[in-house]
């Protein structure tokens, strides 16, 4: 999901360079939305792992 956000961000920058303001704004909005979804899912996963006690394995 983070790769999709990065892809939309790069496309937004390219569209802005070529003067396509409307498309650049739409792509930037999509990148923000995907990044926010990634952050929310990441935090939920961290909380679930802490609650279940499944942290990182001990070093060998």
PDB file of N, CA and C in Angstrom:
ATOM      1  N   UNK A   1       0.824  -1.178   0.000  1.00  0.00           N
ATOM      2  CA  UNK A   1       0.000   0.000   0.000  1.00  0.00           C
ATOM      3  C   UNK A   1       0.876   1.252   0.000  1.00  0.00           C
ATOM      4  N   UNK A   2       1.976   1.173   0.709  1.00  0.00           N
ATOM      5  CA  UNK A   2       2.876   2.315   0.738  1.00  0.00           C
ATOM      6  C   UNK A   2       3.489   2.567  -0.641  1.00  0.00           C
ATOM      7  N   UNK A   3       3.715   1.500  -1.387  1.00  0.00           N
ATOM      8  CA  UNK A   3       4.263   1.676  -2.740  1.00  0.00           C
ATOM      9  C   UNK A   3       3.257   2.364  -3.651  1.00  0.00           C
ATOM     10  N   UNK A   4       1.974   2.077  -3.464  1.00  0.00           N
ATOM     11  CA  UNK A   4       0.943   2.761  -4.262  1.00  0.00           C
ATOM     12  C   UNK A   4       0.912   4.253  -3.926  1.00  0.00           C
ATOM     13  N   UNK A   5       1.035   4.588  -2.647  1.00  0.00           N
ATOM     14  CA  UNK A   5       1.045   5.993  -2.246  1.00  0.00           C
ATOM     15  C   UNK A   5       2.238   6.713  -2.873  1.00  0.00           C
ATOM     16  N   UNK A   6       3.396   6.058  -2.857  1.00  0.00           N
ATOM     17  CA  UNK A   6       4.589   6.651  -3.464  1.00  0.00           C
ATOM     18  C   UNK A   6       4.415   6.818  -4.979  1.00  0.00           C
ATOM     19  N   UNK A   7       3.796   5.833  -5.624  1.00  0.00           N
ATOM     20  CA  UNK A   7       3.550   5.912  -7.064  1.00  0.00           C
ATOM     21  C   UNK A   7       2.639   7.081  -7.406  1.00  0.00           C
ATOM     22  N   UNK A   8       1.541   7.229  -6.661  1.00  0.00           N
ATOM     23  CA  UNK A   8       0.632   8.347  -6.920  1.00  0.00           C
ATOM     24  C   UNK A   8       1.312   9.683  -6.649  1.00  0.00           C
ATOM     25  N   UNK A   9       2.173   9.734  -5.632  1.00  0.00           N
ATOM     26  CA  UNK A   9       2.888  10.963  -5.325  1.00  0.00           C
ATOM     27  C   UNK A   9       3.825  11.356  -6.464  1.00  0.00           C
ATOM     28  N   UNK A  10       4.548  10.387  -6.992  1.00  0.00           N
ATOM     29  CA  UNK A  10       5.459  10.666  -8.109  1.00  0.00           C
ATOM     30  C   UNK A  10       4.685  11.093  -9.350  1.00  0.00           C
ATOM     31  N   UNK A  11       3.563  10.417  -9.626  1.00  0.00           N
ATOM     32  CA  UNK A  11       2.730  10.813 -10.763  1.00  0.00           C
ATOM     33  C   UNK A  11       2.178  12.224 -10.590  1.00  0.00           C
ATOM     34  N   UNK A  12       1.832  12.588  -9.350  1.00  0.00           N
ATOM     35  CA  UNK A  12       1.338  13.944  -9.086  1.00  0.00           C
ATOM     36  C   UNK A  12       2.418  14.981  -9.358  1.00  0.00           C
ATOM     37  N   UNK A  13       3.655  14.671  -8.970  1.00  0.00           N
ATOM     38  CA  UNK A  13       4.753  15.603  -9.215  1.00  0.00           C
ATOM     39  C   UNK A  13       4.992  15.760 -10.715  1.00  0.00           C
ATOM     40  N   UNK A  14       4.979  14.654 -11.448  1.00  0.00           N
ATOM     41  CA  UNK A  14       5.185  14.712 -12.903  1.00  0.00           C
ATOM     42  C   UNK A  14       4.057  15.497 -13.571  1.00  0.00           C
ATOM     43  N   UNK A  15       2.815  15.259 -13.140  1.00  0.00           N
ATOM     44  CA  UNK A  15       1.686  15.989 -13.717  1.00  0.00           C
ATOM     45  C   UNK A  15       1.785  17.483 -13.409  1.00  0.00           C
ATOM     46  N   UNK A  16       2.241  17.820 -12.218  1.00  0.00           N
ATOM     47  CA  UNK A  16       2.389  19.232 -11.861  1.00  0.00           C
ATOM     48  C   UNK A  16       3.485  19.900 -12.687  1.00  0.00           C
ATOM     49  N   UNK A  17       4.560  19.174 -12.956  1.00  0.00           N
ATOM     50  CA  UNK A  17       5.647  19.731 -13.769  1.00  0.00           C
ATOM     51  C   UNK A  17       5.156  20.058 -15.173  1.00  0.00           C
ATOM     52  N   UNK A  18       4.300  19.182 -15.720  1.00  0.00           N
ATOM     53  CA  UNK A  18       3.800  19.404 -17.068  1.00  0.00           C
ATOM     54  C   UNK A  18       2.578  20.318 -17.114  1.00  0.00           C
ATOM     55  N   UNK A  19       2.131  20.810 -15.959  1.00  0.00           N
ATOM     56  CA  UNK A  19       1.074  21.807 -15.938  1.00  0.00           C
ATOM     57  C   UNK A  19      -0.336  21.257 -15.855  1.00  0.00           C
ATOM     58  N   UNK A  20      -0.493  20.003 -15.519  1.00  0.00           N
ATOM     59  CA  UNK A  20      -1.817  19.426 -15.375  1.00  0.00           C
ATOM     60  C   UNK A  20      -2.241  19.551 -13.912  1.00  0.00           C
ATOM     61  N   UNK A  21      -2.730  20.733 -13.538  1.00  0.00           N
ATOM     62  CA  UNK A  21      -3.036  21.019 -12.138  1.00  0.00           C
ATOM     63  C   UNK A  21      -4.145  20.168 -11.569  1.00  0.00           C
ATOM     64  N   UNK A  22      -5.209  19.945 -12.342  1.00  0.00           N
ATOM     65  CA  UNK A  22      -6.335  19.159 -11.835  1.00  0.00           C
ATOM     66  C   UNK A  22      -5.966  17.714 -11.582  1.00  0.00           C
ATOM     67  N   UNK A  23      -5.242  17.138 -12.519  1.00  0.00           N
ATOM     68  CA  UNK A  23      -4.818  15.746 -12.366  1.00  0.00           C
ATOM     69  C   UNK A  23      -3.807  15.635 -11.230  1.00  0.00           C
ATOM     70  N   UNK A  24      -2.918  16.607 -11.116  1.00  0.00           N
ATOM     71  CA  UNK A  24      -1.916  16.579 -10.044  1.00  0.00           C
ATOM     72  C   UNK A  24      -2.590  16.646  -8.683  1.00  0.00           C
ATOM     73  N   UNK A  25      -3.606  17.470  -8.551  1.00  0.00           N
ATOM     74  CA  UNK A  25      -4.324  17.573  -7.285  1.00  0.00           C
ATOM     75  C   UNK A  25      -5.041  16.284  -6.925  1.00  0.00           C
ATOM     76  N   UNK A  26      -5.640  15.658  -7.929  1.00  0.00           N
ATOM     77  CA  UNK A  26      -6.337  14.392  -7.699  1.00  0.00           C
ATOM     78  C   UNK A  26      -5.360  13.297  -7.293  1.00  0.00           C
ATOM     79  N   UNK A  27      -4.243  13.202  -7.983  1.00  0.00           N
ATOM     80  CA  UNK A  27      -3.239  12.194  -7.641  1.00  0.00           C
ATOM     81  C   UNK A  27      -2.637  12.445  -6.265  1.00  0.00           C
ATOM     82  N   UNK A  28      -2.410  13.693  -5.924  1.00  0.00           N
ATOM     83  CA  UNK A  28      -1.875  14.015  -4.598  1.00  0.00           C
ATOM     84  C   UNK A  28      -2.884  13.638  -3.518  1.00  0.00           C
ATOM     85  N   UNK A  29      -4.168  13.877  -3.777  1.00  0.00           N
ATOM     86  CA  UNK A  29      -5.199  13.477  -2.822  1.00  0.00           C
ATOM     87  C   UNK A  29      -5.246  11.971  -2.636  1.00  0.00           C
ATOM     88  N   UNK A  30      -5.109  11.228  -3.731  1.00  0.00           N
ATOM     89  CA  UNK A  30      -5.091   9.764  -3.644  1.00  0.00           C
ATOM     90  C   UNK A  30      -3.865   9.291  -2.864  1.00  0.00           C
ATOM     91  N   UNK A  31      -2.720   9.928  -3.084  1.00  0.00           N
ATOM     92  CA  UNK A  31      -1.509   9.551  -2.355  1.00  0.00           C
ATOM     93  C   UNK A  31      -1.675   9.810  -0.861  1.00  0.00           C
ATOM     94  N   UNK A  32      -2.282  10.938  -0.499  1.00  0.00           N
ATOM     95  CA  UNK A  32      -2.517  11.233   0.914  1.00  0.00           C
ATOM     96  C   UNK A  32      -3.458  10.211   1.537  1.00  0.00           C
ATOM     97  N   UNK A  33      -4.506   9.857   0.820  1.00  0.00           N
ATOM     98  CA  UNK A  33      -5.479   8.899   1.336  1.00  0.00           C
ATOM     99  C   UNK A  33      -4.841   7.524   1.546  1.00  0.00           C
ATOM    100  N   UNK A  34      -4.063   7.061   0.589  1.00  0.00           N
ATOM    101  CA  UNK A  34      -3.402   5.766   0.723  1.00  0.00           C
ATOM    102  C   UNK A  34      -2.367   5.776   1.843  1.00  0.00           C
ATOM    103  N   UNK A  35      -1.643   6.867   1.988  1.00  0.00           N
ATOM    104  CA  UNK A  35      -0.662   6.955   3.066  1.00  0.00           C
ATOM    105  C   UNK A  35      -1.348   6.944   4.427  1.00  0.00           C
ATOM    106  N   UNK A  36      -2.473   7.650   4.549  1.00  0.00           N
ATOM    107  CA  UNK A  36      -3.223   7.651   5.798  1.00  0.00           C
ATOM    108  C   UNK A  36      -3.750   6.253   6.122  1.00  0.00           C
ATOM    109  N   UNK A  37      -4.255   5.550   5.114  1.00  0.00           N
ATOM    110  CA  UNK A  37      -4.731   4.181   5.325  1.00  0.00           C
ATOM    111  C   UNK A  37      -3.582   3.275   5.760  1.00  0.00           C
ATOM    112  N   UNK A  38      -2.406   3.447   5.165  1.00  0.00           N
ATOM    113  CA  UNK A  38      -1.237   2.664   5.556  1.00  0.00           C
ATOM    114  C   UNK A  38      -0.874   2.913   7.015  1.00  0.00           C
ATOM    115  N   UNK A  39      -0.843   4.163   7.431  1.00  0.00           N
ATOM    116  CA  UNK A  39      -0.481   4.503   8.802  1.00  0.00           C
ATOM    117  C   UNK A  39      -1.500   3.913   9.784  1.00  0.00           C
ATOM    118  N   UNK A  40      -2.787   4.012   9.467  1.00  0.00           N
ATOM    119  CA  UNK A  40      -3.824   3.478  10.352  1.00  0.00           C
ATOM    120  C   UNK A  40      -3.690   1.966  10.479  1.00  0.00           C
ATOM    121  N   UNK A  41      -3.509   1.274   9.372  1.00  0.00           N
ATOM    122  CA  UNK A  41      -3.361  -0.178   9.436  1.00  0.00           C
ATOM    123  C   UNK A  41      -2.081  -0.583  10.166  1.00  0.00           C
ATOM    124  N   UNK A  42      -1.023   0.174  10.009  1.00  0.00           N
ATOM    125  CA  UNK A  42       0.218  -0.101  10.714  1.00  0.00           C
ATOM    126  C   UNK A  42       0.031   0.022  12.220  1.00  0.00           C
ATOM    127  N   UNK A  43      -0.643   1.070  12.666  1.00  0.00           N
ATOM    128  CA  UNK A  43      -0.871   1.273  14.097  1.00  0.00           C
ATOM    129  C   UNK A  43      -1.777   0.187  14.660  1.00  0.00           C
ATOM    130  N   UNK A  44      -2.832  -0.176  13.923  1.00  0.00           N
ATOM    131  CA  UNK A  44      -3.733  -1.238  14.375  1.00  0.00           C
ATOM    132  C   UNK A  44      -2.965  -2.554  14.511  1.00  0.00           C
ATOM    133  N   UNK A  45      -2.092  -2.849  13.571  1.00  0.00           N
ATOM    134  CA  UNK A  45      -1.299  -4.070  13.628  1.00  0.00           C
ATOM    135  C   UNK A  45      -0.346  -4.060  14.823  1.00  0.00           C
ATOM    136  N   UNK A  46       0.291  -2.932  15.079  1.00  0.00           N
ATOM    137  CA  UNK A  46       1.174  -2.832  16.245  1.00  0.00           C
ATOM    138  C   UNK A  46       0.407  -3.059  17.541  1.00  0.00           C
ATOM    139  N   UNK A  47      -0.753  -2.442  17.674  1.00  0.00           N
ATOM    140  CA  UNK A  47      -1.554  -2.603  18.890  1.00  0.00           C
ATOM    141  C   UNK A  47      -2.005  -4.049  19.045  1.00  0.00           C
ATOM    142  N   UNK A  48      -2.430  -4.673  17.947  1.00  0.00           N
ATOM    143  CA  UNK A  48      -2.872  -6.070  18.016  1.00  0.00           C
ATOM    144  C   UNK A  48      -1.729  -6.985  18.431  1.00  0.00           C
ATOM    145  N   UNK A  49      -0.529  -6.754  17.937  1.00  0.00           N
ATOM    146  CA  UNK A  49       0.625  -7.581  18.317  1.00  0.00           C
ATOM    147  C   UNK A  49       1.010  -7.373  19.776  1.00  0.00           C
ATOM    148  N   UNK A  50       0.893  -6.169  20.284  1.00  0.00           N
ATOM    149  CA  UNK A  50       1.210  -5.919  21.686  1.00  0.00           C
ATOM    150  C   UNK A  50       0.184  -6.602  22.584  1.00  0.00           C
ATOM    151  N   UNK A  51      -1.084  -6.521  22.212  1.00  0.00           N
ATOM    152  CA  UNK A  51      -2.137  -7.134  23.019  1.00  0.00           C
ATOM    153  C   UNK A  51      -1.995  -8.654  23.034  1.00  0.00           C
ATOM    154  N   UNK A  52      -1.698  -9.246  21.882  1.00  0.00           N
ATOM    155  CA  UNK A  52      -1.580 -10.696  21.807  1.00  0.00           C
ATOM    156  C   UNK A  52      -0.232 -11.190  22.311  1.00  0.00           C
ATOM    157  N   UNK A  53       0.696 -10.286  22.537  1.00  0.00           N
ATOM    158  CA  UNK A  53       1.996 -10.680  23.058  1.00  0.00           C
ATOM    159  C   UNK A  53       2.922 -11.280  22.016  1.00  0.00           C
ATOM    160  N   UNK A  54       2.685 -11.001  20.759  1.00  0.00           N
ATOM    161  CA  UNK A  54       3.522 -11.540  19.701  1.00  0.00           C
ATOM    162  C   UNK A  54       4.481 -10.452  19.224  1.00  0.00           C
ATOM    163  N   UNK A  55       5.442 -10.157  20.034  1.00  0.00           N
ATOM    164  CA  UNK A  55       6.468  -9.189  19.647  1.00  0.00           C
ATOM    165  C   UNK A  55       7.499  -9.831  18.759  1.00  0.00           C
ATOM    166  N   UNK A  56       8.604  -9.196  18.624  1.00  0.00           N
ATOM    167  CA  UNK A  56       9.681  -9.771  17.828  1.00  0.00           C
ATOM    168  C   UNK A  56      10.299 -10.934  18.591  1.00  0.00           C
ATOM    169  N   UNK A  57      10.786 -11.938  17.911  1.00  0.00           N
ATOM    170  CA  UNK A  57      11.394 -13.081  18.606  1.00  0.00           C
ATOM    171  C   UNK A  57      12.708 -12.658  19.270  1.00  0.00           C
ATOM    172  N   UNK A  58      13.084 -13.347  20.342  1.00  0.00           N
ATOM    173  CA  UNK A  58      14.339 -12.986  21.015  1.00  0.00           C
ATOM    174  C   UNK A  58      15.534 -13.257  20.113  1.00  0.00           C
ATOM    175  N   UNK A  59      16.597 -12.487  20.273  1.00  0.00           N
ATOM    176  CA  UNK A  59      17.785 -12.712  19.432  1.00  0.00           C
ATOM    177  C   UNK A  59      18.451 -14.045  19.762  1.00  0.00           C
ATOM    178  N   UNK A  60      19.078 -14.600  18.777  1.00  0.00           N
ATOM    179  CA  UNK A  60      19.740 -15.896  18.967  1.00  0.00           C
ATOM    180  C   UNK A  60      21.111 -15.765  19.561  1.00  0.00           C
TER     181      UNK A  60
END
